[in-house]
Protein backbone atom coordinates (compact mmCIF):
# COMPACT_ATOMS: atom_id res chain seq x y z
CA MET A 1 24.72 27.33 -12.50
CA LEU A 2 25.93 30.08 -14.80
CA PHE A 3 25.43 33.81 -14.72
CA PRO A 4 26.54 36.72 -16.88
CA ASN A 5 30.16 37.78 -16.68
CA GLN A 6 29.58 41.52 -16.68
CA SER A 7 33.27 42.38 -16.52
CA ASN A 8 33.80 41.46 -20.18
CA PHE A 9 30.18 41.83 -21.33
CA ASN A 10 29.63 38.17 -22.20
CA ARG A 11 26.07 37.01 -21.76
CA VAL A 12 25.22 33.56 -20.56
CA LEU A 13 21.68 32.28 -20.50
CA LEU A 14 20.74 29.23 -18.49
CA CYS A 15 17.03 28.65 -18.35
CA SER A 16 16.81 25.12 -16.97
CA SER A 17 17.33 26.35 -13.42
CA PHE A 18 15.26 29.49 -13.81
CA GLN A 19 12.11 28.26 -15.50
CA PHE A 20 10.55 26.80 -12.36
CA VAL A 21 9.46 28.67 -9.24
CA LEU A 22 11.62 27.84 -6.25
CA PRO A 23 11.66 25.42 -4.61
CA HIS A 24 11.36 22.76 -7.30
CA SER A 25 12.67 19.28 -7.99
CA ARG A 26 13.21 19.54 -11.74
CA GLY A 27 16.92 20.08 -12.15
CA SER A 28 20.34 19.58 -10.69
CA SER A 29 20.02 22.74 -8.63
CA HIS A 30 17.01 21.67 -6.58
CA GLY A 31 17.43 21.03 -2.88
CA GLN A 32 19.07 22.97 -0.13
CA THR A 33 22.76 22.16 -0.54
CA ARG A 34 25.42 20.95 -2.96
CA ILE A 35 28.97 19.89 -2.23
CA ILE A 36 31.86 22.04 -3.44
CA ARG A 37 35.38 20.65 -3.46
CA LYS A 38 38.79 20.68 -5.08
CA ALA A 39 39.38 16.95 -4.52
CA TYR A 40 39.44 15.49 -8.03
CA GLU A 41 41.70 13.06 -9.83
CA GLN A 42 42.22 15.44 -12.76
CA ASP A 43 44.19 18.69 -12.54
CA PHE A 44 41.72 20.43 -14.82
CA TYR A 45 38.84 20.18 -12.33
CA THR A 46 40.95 21.12 -9.32
CA GLN A 47 42.30 24.18 -11.16
CA MET A 48 38.84 25.12 -12.45
CA MET A 49 37.46 25.02 -8.93
CA GLU A 50 39.86 27.77 -7.86
CA GLU A 51 37.97 30.19 -10.10
CA CYS A 52 34.63 28.76 -9.00
CA TYR A 53 35.40 29.49 -5.35
CA GLU A 54 36.37 33.05 -6.31
CA LEU A 55 33.12 33.54 -8.24
CA TRP A 56 30.99 32.22 -5.38
CA ALA A 57 32.81 34.54 -2.96
CA GLN A 58 32.25 37.46 -5.33
CA LEU A 59 28.53 36.71 -5.60
CA GLU A 60 28.30 36.39 -1.81
CA GLN A 61 29.94 39.76 -1.37
CA GLU A 62 27.88 41.51 -4.05
CA ALA A 63 24.58 40.12 -2.77
CA GLY A 64 25.36 40.18 0.94
CA VAL A 65 24.11 36.60 1.21
CA LYS A 66 25.95 33.62 2.70
CA LEU A 67 26.13 30.96 -0.03
CA TYR A 68 29.08 28.77 1.04
CA ARG A 69 29.95 27.02 4.27
CA GLN A 70 33.42 25.53 4.66
CA THR A 71 33.18 22.08 6.25
CA GLY A 72 36.07 20.13 4.79
CA LEU A 73 35.71 16.87 2.88
CA LEU A 74 37.05 13.52 4.04
CA VAL A 75 38.18 11.21 1.23
CA MET A 76 39.11 7.67 2.25
CA GLY A 77 40.32 4.75 0.19
CA PRO A 78 42.94 2.08 -0.35
CA GLU A 79 46.30 3.86 -0.32
CA ASP A 80 47.52 1.78 -3.23
CA SER A 81 44.51 2.51 -5.49
CA GLN A 82 45.15 4.63 -8.56
CA SER A 83 42.16 6.92 -8.01
CA TYR A 84 43.11 7.67 -4.39
CA GLN A 85 46.73 8.39 -5.34
CA LEU A 86 45.72 10.61 -8.29
CA MET A 87 43.34 12.64 -6.14
CA LYS A 88 45.94 13.09 -3.39
CA GLU A 89 48.70 14.02 -5.87
CA THR A 90 46.42 16.50 -7.64
CA LEU A 91 45.59 18.24 -4.38
CA GLN A 92 49.27 18.42 -3.40
CA LYS A 93 50.43 19.59 -6.83
CA ASN A 94 47.84 22.38 -6.85
CA LYS A 95 48.73 23.41 -3.28
CA VAL A 96 45.22 22.86 -1.97
CA PRO A 97 45.18 22.96 1.85
CA ILE A 98 44.83 19.34 2.96
CA ALA A 99 45.35 17.09 5.96
CA ILE A 100 46.77 13.64 5.25
CA LEU A 101 45.59 11.10 7.80
CA ASN A 102 46.84 7.61 8.54
CA ARG A 103 45.88 4.90 11.04
CA ASP A 104 47.99 6.54 13.74
CA ASN A 105 46.49 10.04 13.61
CA PHE A 106 43.03 9.36 12.12
CA CYS A 107 41.18 8.95 15.44
CA GLN A 108 42.65 12.25 16.68
CA HIS A 109 40.69 14.02 13.93
CA ILE A 110 37.69 11.72 13.65
CA PRO A 111 36.96 10.03 16.99
CA ASN A 112 35.18 6.68 17.21
CA VAL A 113 36.03 5.73 13.63
CA ASN A 114 38.91 3.46 12.68
CA LEU A 115 40.78 3.63 9.40
CA ALA A 116 41.11 0.15 7.88
CA VAL A 117 44.53 -1.39 7.39
CA GLY A 118 45.85 -0.29 3.99
CA ASP A 119 43.50 2.67 3.73
CA GLY A 120 44.49 6.32 3.66
CA ALA A 121 42.50 9.47 4.24
CA VAL A 122 42.83 13.02 2.96
CA VAL A 123 40.82 16.02 4.08
CA ASP A 124 40.22 18.72 1.46
CA ILE A 125 40.08 21.58 3.95
CA THR A 126 38.60 24.04 1.43
CA ALA A 127 35.58 21.85 0.64
CA GLY A 128 32.14 22.61 1.92
CA VAL A 129 28.56 23.10 0.95
CA LEU A 130 26.83 25.61 -1.26
CA TYR A 131 23.33 26.59 -0.26
CA ALA A 132 21.81 25.71 -3.64
CA ASP A 133 18.30 27.13 -3.24
CA ARG A 134 19.71 30.33 -1.76
CA ALA A 135 22.33 30.58 -4.52
CA LEU A 136 19.77 30.09 -7.26
CA LYS A 137 17.48 32.72 -5.76
CA THR A 138 20.43 35.12 -5.38
CA VAL A 139 21.41 34.70 -9.03
CA GLN A 140 17.82 35.24 -10.08
CA VAL A 141 17.64 38.47 -8.09
CA GLN A 142 21.12 39.74 -9.05
CA HIS A 143 20.97 38.92 -12.74
CA GLY A 144 17.29 38.63 -13.57
CA SER A 145 15.32 35.46 -14.18
CA CYS A 146 14.35 33.96 -17.50
């Protein structure tokens, strides 16, 4: 979802999400919620998400509407896999608040679930959900619809 950046007078037009009356099922923005996270293998996405969180917070404040709920995101996988290691290293390098879990402390955080031998777990504490329908409606109201 994109909206105009009024601070430097750039205009952005995105009609695919605005051309249908809400609620609809014809686009990636349909439905009630979408995940938001900083847990990626690539630095670029993790760094980009820092600005995204700021923009969502700004829109929330301007509109007086709750658009984001922090829930955390649990990522589990084989500790020796490249993708798991890259994601964990990217979070650490970018100083994203995380909790690193192992077999010994996993059940303290997530009762009744066991972490498999050889698996690791990381919680991206900043992750959560965006209320997609609410966000789309807020953008339409704040910045005009197509």
